Each structure stands twice: as structure tokens, then as C-alpha cells.
């Protein structure tokens, strides 16, 4: 690929930068919620496993 084939990246306007920042934050927060749900599910499963093992 030649240099003239690569389009220069223009800096974002303040409004565009704010929107991009918000989108990135939303994605990060969604991943955090997903990870927390997985942690809680694992914890619940471990507790159930522990109670069934202690009962047996």
C-alpha cells in the first residue's frame, strides 16, 4: 500500500469527540455489567455446589 492510498485521519470536532466518548463509555459499561453477571452466576453456582456437597 502506498502512502497516498492511506487517507489522513482528521481530528474529531468537539461534538464528535463527545459522542465517541459516550459510545465508548456505554460499551465499557455494558462489558462491566456482563462480567458482573457472570461473576454472580459463578458465585451462586459455587454456593449451590458447596451446599449439595455438604448435605451429601
N, C-alpha and C. Protein backbone atom coordinates (compact mmCIF):
# COMPACT_ATOMS: atom_id res chain seq x y z
N UNK A 1 0.85 -1.16 0.00
CA UNK A 1 0.00 0.00 0.00
C UNK A 1 0.91 1.24 0.00
N UNK A 2 0.57 2.17 -0.83
CA UNK A 2 1.37 3.39 -0.92
C UNK A 2 0.83 4.43 0.05
N UNK A 3 1.68 5.39 0.36
CA UNK A 3 1.31 6.43 1.31
C UNK A 3 0.10 7.24 0.83
N UNK A 4 0.04 7.52 -0.46
CA UNK A 4 -1.07 8.34 -0.97
C UNK A 4 -2.39 7.58 -0.99
N UNK A 5 -2.35 6.24 -0.77
CA UNK A 5 -3.60 5.47 -0.71
C UNK A 5 -4.24 5.55 0.68
N UNK A 6 -3.45 5.92 1.66
CA UNK A 6 -3.95 5.99 3.02
C UNK A 6 -4.53 7.38 3.25
N UNK A 7 -5.80 7.42 3.59
CA UNK A 7 -6.46 8.70 3.83
C UNK A 7 -6.04 9.23 5.20
N UNK A 8 -5.68 10.48 5.28
CA UNK A 8 -5.30 11.03 6.59
C UNK A 8 -6.52 11.08 7.50
N UNK A 9 -6.29 10.83 8.76
CA UNK A 9 -7.38 10.84 9.74
C UNK A 9 -7.50 12.26 10.29
N UNK A 10 -8.66 12.86 10.07
CA UNK A 10 -8.89 14.22 10.56
C UNK A 10 -9.26 14.14 12.04
N UNK A 11 -8.84 15.12 12.82
CA UNK A 11 -9.26 15.13 14.23
C UNK A 11 -10.77 15.35 14.32
N UNK A 12 -11.34 14.76 15.35
CA UNK A 12 -12.79 14.89 15.54
C UNK A 12 -13.13 16.27 16.08
N UNK A 13 -14.29 16.74 15.69
CA UNK A 13 -14.78 18.00 16.26
C UNK A 13 -15.15 17.73 17.72
N UNK A 14 -15.28 18.75 18.54
CA UNK A 14 -15.64 18.51 19.95
C UNK A 14 -16.94 17.73 20.12
N UNK A 15 -17.92 18.02 19.26
CA UNK A 15 -19.20 17.30 19.35
C UNK A 15 -19.00 15.83 19.00
N UNK A 16 -18.25 15.56 17.93
CA UNK A 16 -18.00 14.18 17.52
C UNK A 16 -17.18 13.44 18.57
N UNK A 17 -16.21 14.12 19.15
CA UNK A 17 -15.39 13.51 20.19
C UNK A 17 -16.24 13.15 21.41
N UNK A 18 -17.18 14.03 21.77
CA UNK A 18 -18.07 13.77 22.90
C UNK A 18 -18.94 12.55 22.62
N UNK A 19 -19.48 12.46 21.40
CA UNK A 19 -20.32 11.30 21.04
C UNK A 19 -19.50 10.02 21.07
N UNK A 20 -18.31 10.07 20.53
CA UNK A 20 -17.45 8.88 20.53
C UNK A 20 -17.12 8.45 21.95
N UNK A 21 -16.85 9.44 22.79
CA UNK A 21 -16.56 9.15 24.20
C UNK A 21 -17.75 8.47 24.88
N UNK A 22 -18.95 8.98 24.60
CA UNK A 22 -20.16 8.40 25.19
C UNK A 22 -20.38 6.97 24.71
N UNK A 23 -20.17 6.75 23.41
CA UNK A 23 -20.33 5.40 22.86
C UNK A 23 -19.34 4.44 23.50
N UNK A 24 -18.09 4.88 23.63
CA UNK A 24 -17.06 4.04 24.23
C UNK A 24 -17.40 3.72 25.68
N UNK A 25 -17.91 4.73 26.41
CA UNK A 25 -18.28 4.51 27.81
C UNK A 25 -19.41 3.51 27.92
N UNK A 26 -20.40 3.62 27.02
CA UNK A 26 -21.53 2.69 27.03
C UNK A 26 -21.04 1.27 26.79
N UNK A 27 -20.17 1.10 25.82
CA UNK A 27 -19.64 -0.24 25.54
C UNK A 27 -18.88 -0.80 26.73
N UNK A 28 -18.06 0.05 27.36
CA UNK A 28 -17.29 -0.38 28.52
C UNK A 28 -18.22 -0.76 29.67
N UNK A 29 -19.27 0.04 29.88
CA UNK A 29 -20.22 -0.25 30.95
C UNK A 29 -21.00 -1.54 30.68
N UNK A 30 -21.36 -1.77 29.41
CA UNK A 30 -22.07 -3.00 29.07
C UNK A 30 -21.20 -4.21 29.34
N UNK A 31 -19.92 -4.11 29.01
CA UNK A 31 -18.99 -5.21 29.29
C UNK A 31 -18.85 -5.44 30.79
N UNK A 32 -18.82 -4.35 31.56
CA UNK A 32 -18.70 -4.47 33.01
C UNK A 32 -19.94 -5.16 33.60
N UNK A 33 -21.11 -4.81 33.10
CA UNK A 33 -22.35 -5.44 33.58
C UNK A 33 -22.35 -6.92 33.22
N UNK A 34 -21.92 -7.24 32.02
CA UNK A 34 -21.86 -8.63 31.58
C UNK A 34 -20.90 -9.43 32.46
N UNK A 35 -19.75 -8.85 32.77
CA UNK A 35 -18.76 -9.53 33.61
C UNK A 35 -19.29 -9.72 35.03
N UNK A 36 -19.97 -8.71 35.56
CA UNK A 36 -20.51 -8.81 36.91
C UNK A 36 -21.60 -9.87 36.99
N UNK A 37 -22.44 -9.95 35.97
CA UNK A 37 -23.47 -11.00 35.96
C UNK A 37 -22.83 -12.38 35.93
N UNK A 38 -21.77 -12.52 35.15
CA UNK A 38 -21.06 -13.81 35.08
C UNK A 38 -20.45 -14.15 36.44
N UNK A 39 -19.86 -13.15 37.12
CA UNK A 39 -19.28 -13.39 38.45
C UNK A 39 -20.34 -13.85 39.44
N UNK A 40 -21.50 -13.17 39.40
CA UNK A 40 -22.57 -13.54 40.32
C UNK A 40 -23.10 -14.93 40.02
N UNK A 41 -23.19 -15.27 38.74
CA UNK A 41 -23.67 -16.59 38.35
C UNK A 41 -22.70 -17.68 38.83
N UNK A 42 -21.41 -17.42 38.69
CA UNK A 42 -20.40 -18.37 39.14
C UNK A 42 -20.46 -18.53 40.66
N UNK A 43 -20.60 -17.40 41.37
CA UNK A 43 -20.66 -17.44 42.83
C UNK A 43 -21.87 -18.25 43.29
N UNK A 44 -23.02 -18.02 42.65
CA UNK A 44 -24.23 -18.76 43.00
C UNK A 44 -24.05 -20.25 42.75
N UNK A 45 -23.45 -20.57 41.62
CA UNK A 45 -23.20 -21.98 41.30
C UNK A 45 -22.26 -22.63 42.29
N UNK A 46 -21.23 -21.90 42.71
CA UNK A 46 -20.29 -22.45 43.69
C UNK A 46 -20.97 -22.66 45.03
N UNK A 47 -21.85 -21.73 45.42
CA UNK A 47 -22.58 -21.88 46.68
C UNK A 47 -23.50 -23.09 46.63
N UNK A 48 -24.20 -23.27 45.50
CA UNK A 48 -25.08 -24.42 45.36
C UNK A 48 -24.29 -25.71 45.40
N UNK A 49 -23.15 -25.72 44.77
CA UNK A 49 -22.29 -26.90 44.75
C UNK A 49 -21.80 -27.21 46.16
N UNK A 50 -21.43 -26.18 46.89
CA UNK A 50 -20.94 -26.37 48.25
C UNK A 50 -22.05 -26.91 49.16
N UNK A 51 -23.28 -26.39 48.99
CA UNK A 51 -24.38 -26.87 49.85
C UNK A 51 -24.76 -28.30 49.50
N UNK A 52 -24.73 -28.65 48.22
CA UNK A 52 -25.06 -30.04 47.87
C UNK A 52 -23.96 -30.99 48.32
N UNK A 53 -22.72 -30.54 48.30
CA UNK A 53 -21.64 -31.41 48.78
C UNK A 53 -21.67 -31.56 50.29
N UNK A 54 -22.07 -30.54 51.02
CA UNK A 54 -22.12 -30.61 52.48
C UNK A 54 -23.31 -31.45 52.95
N UNK A 55 -24.39 -31.47 52.17
CA UNK A 55 -25.58 -32.24 52.52
C UNK A 55 -25.34 -33.72 52.30
N UNK A 56 -24.62 -34.06 51.23
CA UNK A 56 -24.40 -35.47 50.89
C UNK A 56 -23.53 -36.19 51.88
